[in-house]
Amino acid sequence: MKYRVHRLEVKSSNMQEKLEQFLNQMEGELVSVFPNVRPTFQPMGATSKIDFLLIVEKLK
């Protein structure tokens, strides 16, 4: 079995659209999606942001 890992740059405003478009164009089978979550500090307190998604694809 061979696998391919893709990196998909996203923002909170376009994450769903970009992921849906990417998944519909995949040739292989989806194994997993890992978000890269990083902590951020805002004036209102601590929060987190997702910079990119790692998508694991199982090739045919």
PDB file of N, CA and C in Angstrom:
ATOM      1  N   MET A   1       0.833  -1.177   0.000  1.00  0.00           N
ATOM      2  CA  MET A   1       0.000   0.000   0.000  1.00  0.00           C
ATOM      3  C   MET A   1       0.881   1.246   0.000  1.00  0.00           C
ATOM      4  N   LYS A   2       0.446   2.233  -0.731  1.00  0.00           N
ATOM      5  CA  LYS A   2       1.146   3.510  -0.759  1.00  0.00           C
ATOM      6  C   LYS A   2       0.193   4.597  -0.313  1.00  0.00           C
ATOM      7  N   TYR A   3       0.765   5.589   0.356  1.00  0.00           N
ATOM      8  CA  TYR A   3      -0.019   6.709   0.861  1.00  0.00           C
ATOM      9  C   TYR A   3       0.590   8.013   0.377  1.00  0.00           C
ATOM     10  N   ARG A   4      -0.249   9.018   0.280  1.00  0.00           N
ATOM     11  CA  ARG A   4       0.206  10.364  -0.076  1.00  0.00           C
ATOM     12  C   ARG A   4      -0.387  11.318   0.955  1.00  0.00           C
ATOM     13  N   VAL A   5       0.443  12.265   1.413  1.00  0.00           N
ATOM     14  CA  VAL A   5      -0.017  13.264   2.384  1.00  0.00           C
ATOM     15  C   VAL A   5      -0.046  14.616   1.675  1.00  0.00           C
ATOM     16  N   HIS A   6      -1.201  15.258   1.723  1.00  0.00           N
ATOM     17  CA  HIS A   6      -1.393  16.563   1.098  1.00  0.00           C
ATOM     18  C   HIS A   6      -1.496  17.622   2.186  1.00  0.00           C
ATOM     19  N   ARG A   7      -1.038  18.819   1.864  1.00  0.00           N
ATOM     20  CA  ARG A   7      -1.163  19.956   2.772  1.00  0.00           C
ATOM     21  C   ARG A   7      -2.102  20.959   2.115  1.00  0.00           C
ATOM     22  N   LEU A   8      -3.196  21.300   2.806  1.00  0.00           N
ATOM     23  CA  LEU A   8      -4.203  22.207   2.271  1.00  0.00           C
ATOM     24  C   LEU A   8      -4.266  23.453   3.152  1.00  0.00           C
ATOM     25  N   GLU A   9      -3.813  24.588   2.599  1.00  0.00           N
ATOM     26  CA  GLU A   9      -3.854  25.858   3.329  1.00  0.00           C
ATOM     27  C   GLU A   9      -5.295  26.332   3.410  1.00  0.00           C
ATOM     28  N   VAL A  10      -5.767  26.668   4.607  1.00  0.00           N
ATOM     29  CA  VAL A  10      -7.155  27.091   4.793  1.00  0.00           C
ATOM     30  C   VAL A  10      -7.229  28.276   5.746  1.00  0.00           C
ATOM     31  N   LYS A  11      -8.362  28.954   5.693  1.00  0.00           N
ATOM     32  CA  LYS A  11      -8.722  29.995   6.645  1.00  0.00           C
ATOM     33  C   LYS A  11     -10.077  29.599   7.210  1.00  0.00           C
ATOM     34  N   SER A  12     -10.464  30.172   8.315  1.00  0.00           N
ATOM     35  CA  SER A  12     -11.745  29.795   8.921  1.00  0.00           C
ATOM     36  C   SER A  12     -12.911  30.145   8.016  1.00  0.00           C
ATOM     37  N   SER A  13     -12.754  31.145   7.157  1.00  0.00           N
ATOM     38  CA  SER A  13     -13.855  31.567   6.293  1.00  0.00           C
ATOM     39  C   SER A  13     -14.059  30.655   5.083  1.00  0.00           C
ATOM     40  N   ASN A  14     -13.015  29.949   4.648  1.00  0.00           N
ATOM     41  CA  ASN A  14     -13.142  29.131   3.440  1.00  0.00           C
ATOM     42  C   ASN A  14     -12.790  27.660   3.648  1.00  0.00           C
ATOM     43  N   MET A  15     -12.673  27.222   4.875  1.00  0.00           N
ATOM     44  CA  MET A  15     -12.206  25.859   5.162  1.00  0.00           C
ATOM     45  C   MET A  15     -13.123  24.793   4.575  1.00  0.00           C
ATOM     46  N   GLN A  16     -14.419  24.924   4.784  1.00  0.00           N
ATOM     47  CA  GLN A  16     -15.357  23.910   4.316  1.00  0.00           C
ATOM     48  C   GLN A  16     -15.360  23.809   2.794  1.00  0.00           C
ATOM     49  N   GLU A  17     -15.370  24.933   2.107  1.00  0.00           N
ATOM     50  CA  GLU A  17     -15.387  24.934   0.646  1.00  0.00           C
ATOM     51  C   GLU A  17     -14.124  24.328   0.068  1.00  0.00           C
ATOM     52  N   LYS A  18     -12.959  24.720   0.608  1.00  0.00           N
ATOM     53  CA  LYS A  18     -11.691  24.193   0.104  1.00  0.00           C
ATOM     54  C   LYS A  18     -11.567  22.692   0.346  1.00  0.00           C
ATOM     55  N   LEU A  19     -11.972  22.227   1.537  1.00  0.00           N
ATOM     56  CA  LEU A  19     -11.886  20.798   1.845  1.00  0.00           C
ATOM     57  C   LEU A  19     -12.824  19.999   0.953  1.00  0.00           C
ATOM     58  N   GLU A  20     -14.036  20.474   0.763  1.00  0.00           N
ATOM     59  CA  GLU A  20     -14.993  19.767  -0.090  1.00  0.00           C
ATOM     60  C   GLU A  20     -14.480  19.675  -1.525  1.00  0.00           C
ATOM     61  N   GLN A  21     -13.950  20.761  -2.050  1.00  0.00           N
ATOM     62  CA  GLN A  21     -13.415  20.768  -3.404  1.00  0.00           C
ATOM     63  C   GLN A  21     -12.232  19.803  -3.527  1.00  0.00           C
ATOM     64  N   PHE A  22     -11.348  19.807  -2.539  1.00  0.00           N
ATOM     65  CA  PHE A  22     -10.185  18.918  -2.570  1.00  0.00           C
ATOM     66  C   PHE A  22     -10.604  17.453  -2.521  1.00  0.00           C
ATOM     67  N   LEU A  23     -11.543  17.123  -1.631  1.00  0.00           N
ATOM     68  CA  LEU A  23     -11.969  15.729  -1.484  1.00  0.00           C
ATOM     69  C   LEU A  23     -12.650  15.211  -2.749  1.00  0.00           C
ATOM     70  N   ASN A  24     -13.388  16.061  -3.427  1.00  0.00           N
ATOM     71  CA  ASN A  24     -14.058  15.644  -4.661  1.00  0.00           C
ATOM     72  C   ASN A  24     -13.073  15.411  -5.803  1.00  0.00           C
ATOM     73  N   GLN A  25     -11.862  15.960  -5.723  1.00  0.00           N
ATOM     74  CA  GLN A  25     -10.861  15.791  -6.777  1.00  0.00           C
ATOM     75  C   GLN A  25      -9.864  14.669  -6.479  1.00  0.00           C
ATOM     76  N   MET A  26      -9.948  14.078  -5.287  1.00  0.00           N
ATOM     77  CA  MET A  26      -9.000  13.018  -4.921  1.00  0.00           C
ATOM     78  C   MET A  26      -9.206  11.778  -5.778  1.00  0.00           C
ATOM     79  N   GLU A  27      -8.111  11.115  -6.102  1.00  0.00           N
ATOM     80  CA  GLU A  27      -8.163   9.891  -6.892  1.00  0.00           C
ATOM     81  C   GLU A  27      -8.260   8.653  -6.004  1.00  0.00           C
ATOM     82  N   GLY A  28      -7.585   8.692  -4.860  1.00  0.00           N
ATOM     83  CA  GLY A  28      -7.542   7.532  -3.970  1.00  0.00           C
ATOM     84  C   GLY A  28      -8.615   7.589  -2.901  1.00  0.00           C
ATOM     85  N   GLU A  29      -8.360   6.852  -1.829  1.00  0.00           N
ATOM     86  CA  GLU A  29      -9.297   6.727  -0.713  1.00  0.00           C
ATOM     87  C   GLU A  29      -8.835   7.600   0.454  1.00  0.00           C
ATOM     88  N   LEU A  30      -9.754   8.319   1.052  1.00  0.00           N
ATOM     89  CA  LEU A  30      -9.440   9.169   2.194  1.00  0.00           C
ATOM     90  C   LEU A  30      -9.175   8.307   3.421  1.00  0.00           C
ATOM     91  N   VAL A  31      -8.044   8.572   4.092  1.00  0.00           N
ATOM     92  CA  VAL A  31      -7.702   7.855   5.309  1.00  0.00           C
ATOM     93  C   VAL A  31      -7.988   8.725   6.527  1.00  0.00           C
ATOM     94  N   SER A  32      -7.481   9.975   6.497  1.00  0.00           N
ATOM     95  CA  SER A  32      -7.642  10.846   7.657  1.00  0.00           C
ATOM     96  C   SER A  32      -7.382  12.299   7.291  1.00  0.00           C
ATOM     97  N   VAL A  33      -7.924  13.207   8.121  1.00  0.00           N
ATOM     98  CA  VAL A  33      -7.680  14.637   7.989  1.00  0.00           C
ATOM     99  C   VAL A  33      -7.187  15.138   9.341  1.00  0.00           C
ATOM    100  N   PHE A  34      -6.008  15.770   9.358  1.00  0.00           N
ATOM    101  CA  PHE A  34      -5.422  16.296  10.587  1.00  0.00           C
ATOM    102  C   PHE A  34      -5.334  17.815  10.500  1.00  0.00           C
ATOM    103  N   PRO A  35      -5.990  18.536  11.392  1.00  0.00           N
ATOM    104  CA  PRO A  35      -5.827  19.991  11.393  1.00  0.00           C
ATOM    105  C   PRO A  35      -4.569  20.392  12.165  1.00  0.00           C
ATOM    106  N   ASN A  36      -3.887  21.420  11.687  1.00  0.00           N
ATOM    107  CA  ASN A  36      -2.756  21.988  12.416  1.00  0.00           C
ATOM    108  C   ASN A  36      -3.300  23.139  13.248  1.00  0.00           C
ATOM    109  N   VAL A  37      -3.476  22.912  14.535  1.00  0.00           N
ATOM    110  CA  VAL A  37      -4.068  23.893  15.431  1.00  0.00           C
ATOM    111  C   VAL A  37      -2.953  24.583  16.212  1.00  0.00           C
ATOM    112  N   ARG A  38      -2.966  25.920  16.191  1.00  0.00           N
ATOM    113  CA  ARG A  38      -1.958  26.657  16.951  1.00  0.00           C
ATOM    114  C   ARG A  38      -2.660  27.631  17.889  1.00  0.00           C
ATOM    115  N   PRO A  39      -2.146  27.774  19.091  1.00  0.00           N
ATOM    116  CA  PRO A  39      -2.755  28.713  20.041  1.00  0.00           C
ATOM    117  C   PRO A  39      -2.447  30.156  19.643  1.00  0.00           C
ATOM    118  N   THR A  40      -3.401  31.028  19.863  1.00  0.00           N
ATOM    119  CA  THR A  40      -3.199  32.459  19.643  1.00  0.00           C
ATOM    120  C   THR A  40      -3.755  33.204  20.846  1.00  0.00           C
ATOM    121  N   PHE A  41      -3.233  34.383  21.072  1.00  0.00           N
ATOM    122  CA  PHE A  41      -3.682  35.184  22.203  1.00  0.00           C
ATOM    123  C   PHE A  41      -4.284  36.477  21.679  1.00  0.00           C
ATOM    124  N   GLN A  42      -5.540  36.685  21.967  1.00  0.00           N
ATOM    125  CA  GLN A  42      -6.288  37.869  21.558  1.00  0.00           C
ATOM    126  C   GLN A  42      -6.507  38.748  22.786  1.00  0.00           C
ATOM    127  N   PRO A  43      -6.899  39.999  22.607  1.00  0.00           N
ATOM    128  CA  PRO A  43      -7.194  40.859  23.763  1.00  0.00           C
ATOM    129  C   PRO A  43      -8.279  40.279  24.678  1.00  0.00           C
ATOM    130  N   MET A  44      -9.188  39.473  24.095  1.00  0.00           N
ATOM    131  CA  MET A  44     -10.265  38.887  24.895  1.00  0.00           C
ATOM    132  C   MET A  44      -9.848  37.603  25.601  1.00  0.00           C
ATOM    133  N   GLY A  45      -8.682  37.074  25.278  1.00  0.00           N
ATOM    134  CA  GLY A  45      -8.202  35.849  25.914  1.00  0.00           C
ATOM    135  C   GLY A  45      -7.557  34.913  24.904  1.00  0.00           C
ATOM    136  N   ALA A  46      -7.240  33.733  25.351  1.00  0.00           N
ATOM    137  CA  ALA A  46      -6.580  32.740  24.504  1.00  0.00           C
ATOM    138  C   ALA A  46      -7.600  32.048  23.609  1.00  0.00           C
ATOM    139  N   THR A  47      -7.179  31.736  22.405  1.00  0.00           N
ATOM    140  CA  THR A  47      -8.013  31.014  21.448  1.00  0.00           C
ATOM    141  C   THR A  47      -7.086  30.191  20.561  1.00  0.00           C
ATOM    142  N   SER A  48      -7.599  29.595  19.511  1.00  0.00           N
ATOM    143  CA  SER A  48      -6.760  28.817  18.603  1.00  0.00           C
ATOM    144  C   SER A  48      -7.188  29.060  17.163  1.00  0.00           C
ATOM    145  N   LYS A  49      -6.257  28.766  16.238  1.00  0.00           N
ATOM    146  CA  LYS A  49      -6.514  28.915  14.812  1.00  0.00           C
ATOM    147  C   LYS A  49      -6.002  27.689  14.084  1.00  0.00           C
ATOM    148  N   ILE A  50      -6.632  27.379  12.960  1.00  0.00           N
ATOM    149  CA  ILE A  50      -6.183  26.296  12.099  1.00  0.00           C
ATOM    150  C   ILE A  50      -5.519  26.921  10.883  1.00  0.00           C
ATOM    151  N   ASP A  51      -4.240  26.618  10.672  1.00  0.00           N
ATOM    152  CA  ASP A  51      -3.487  27.165   9.546  1.00  0.00           C
ATOM    153  C   ASP A  51      -3.637  26.316   8.286  1.00  0.00           C
ATOM    154  N   PHE A  52      -3.553  24.999   8.476  1.00  0.00           N
ATOM    155  CA  PHE A  52      -3.640  24.110   7.333  1.00  0.00           C
ATOM    156  C   PHE A  52      -4.139  22.750   7.787  1.00  0.00           C
ATOM    157  N   LEU A  53      -4.542  21.941   6.803  1.00  0.00           N
ATOM    158  CA  LEU A  53      -4.991  20.569   7.046  1.00  0.00           C
ATOM    159  C   LEU A  53      -4.023  19.621   6.362  1.00  0.00           C
ATOM    160  N   LEU A  54      -3.687  18.532   7.042  1.00  0.00           N
ATOM    161  CA  LEU A  54      -2.939  17.444   6.415  1.00  0.00           C
ATOM    162  C   LEU A  54      -3.942  16.356   6.084  1.00  0.00           C
ATOM    163  N   ILE A  55      -3.968  15.942   4.822  1.00  0.00           N
ATOM    164  CA  ILE A  55      -4.939  14.961   4.344  1.00  0.00           C
ATOM    165  C   ILE A  55      -4.169  13.738   3.882  1.00  0.00           C
ATOM    166  N   VAL A  56      -4.485  12.587   4.454  1.00  0.00           N
ATOM    167  CA  VAL A  56      -3.810  11.337   4.115  1.00  0.00           C
ATOM    168  C   VAL A  56      -4.684  10.587   3.122  1.00  0.00           C
ATOM    169  N   GLU A  57      -4.082  10.256   1.972  1.00  0.00           N
ATOM    170  CA  GLU A  57      -4.784   9.566   0.890  1.00  0.00           C
ATOM    171  C   GLU A  57      -4.139   8.205   0.645  1.00  0.00           C
ATOM    172  N   LYS A  58      -4.940   7.171   0.556  1.00  0.00           N
ATOM    173  CA  LYS A  58      -4.453   5.821   0.231  1.00  0.00           C
ATOM    174  C   LYS A  58      -4.565   5.649  -1.275  1.00  0.00           C
ATOM    175  N   LEU A  59      -3.439   5.407  -1.922  1.00  0.00           N
ATOM    176  CA  LEU A  59      -3.425   5.275  -3.379  1.00  0.00           C
ATOM    177  C   LEU A  59      -3.861   3.888  -3.809  1.00  0.00           C
ATOM    178  N   LYS A  60      -4.390   3.823  -5.009  1.00  0.00           N
ATOM    179  CA  LYS A  60      -4.871   2.540  -5.556  1.00  0.00           C
ATOM    180  C   LYS A  60      -3.729   1.667  -5.995  1.00  0.00           C
TER     181      LYS A  60
END
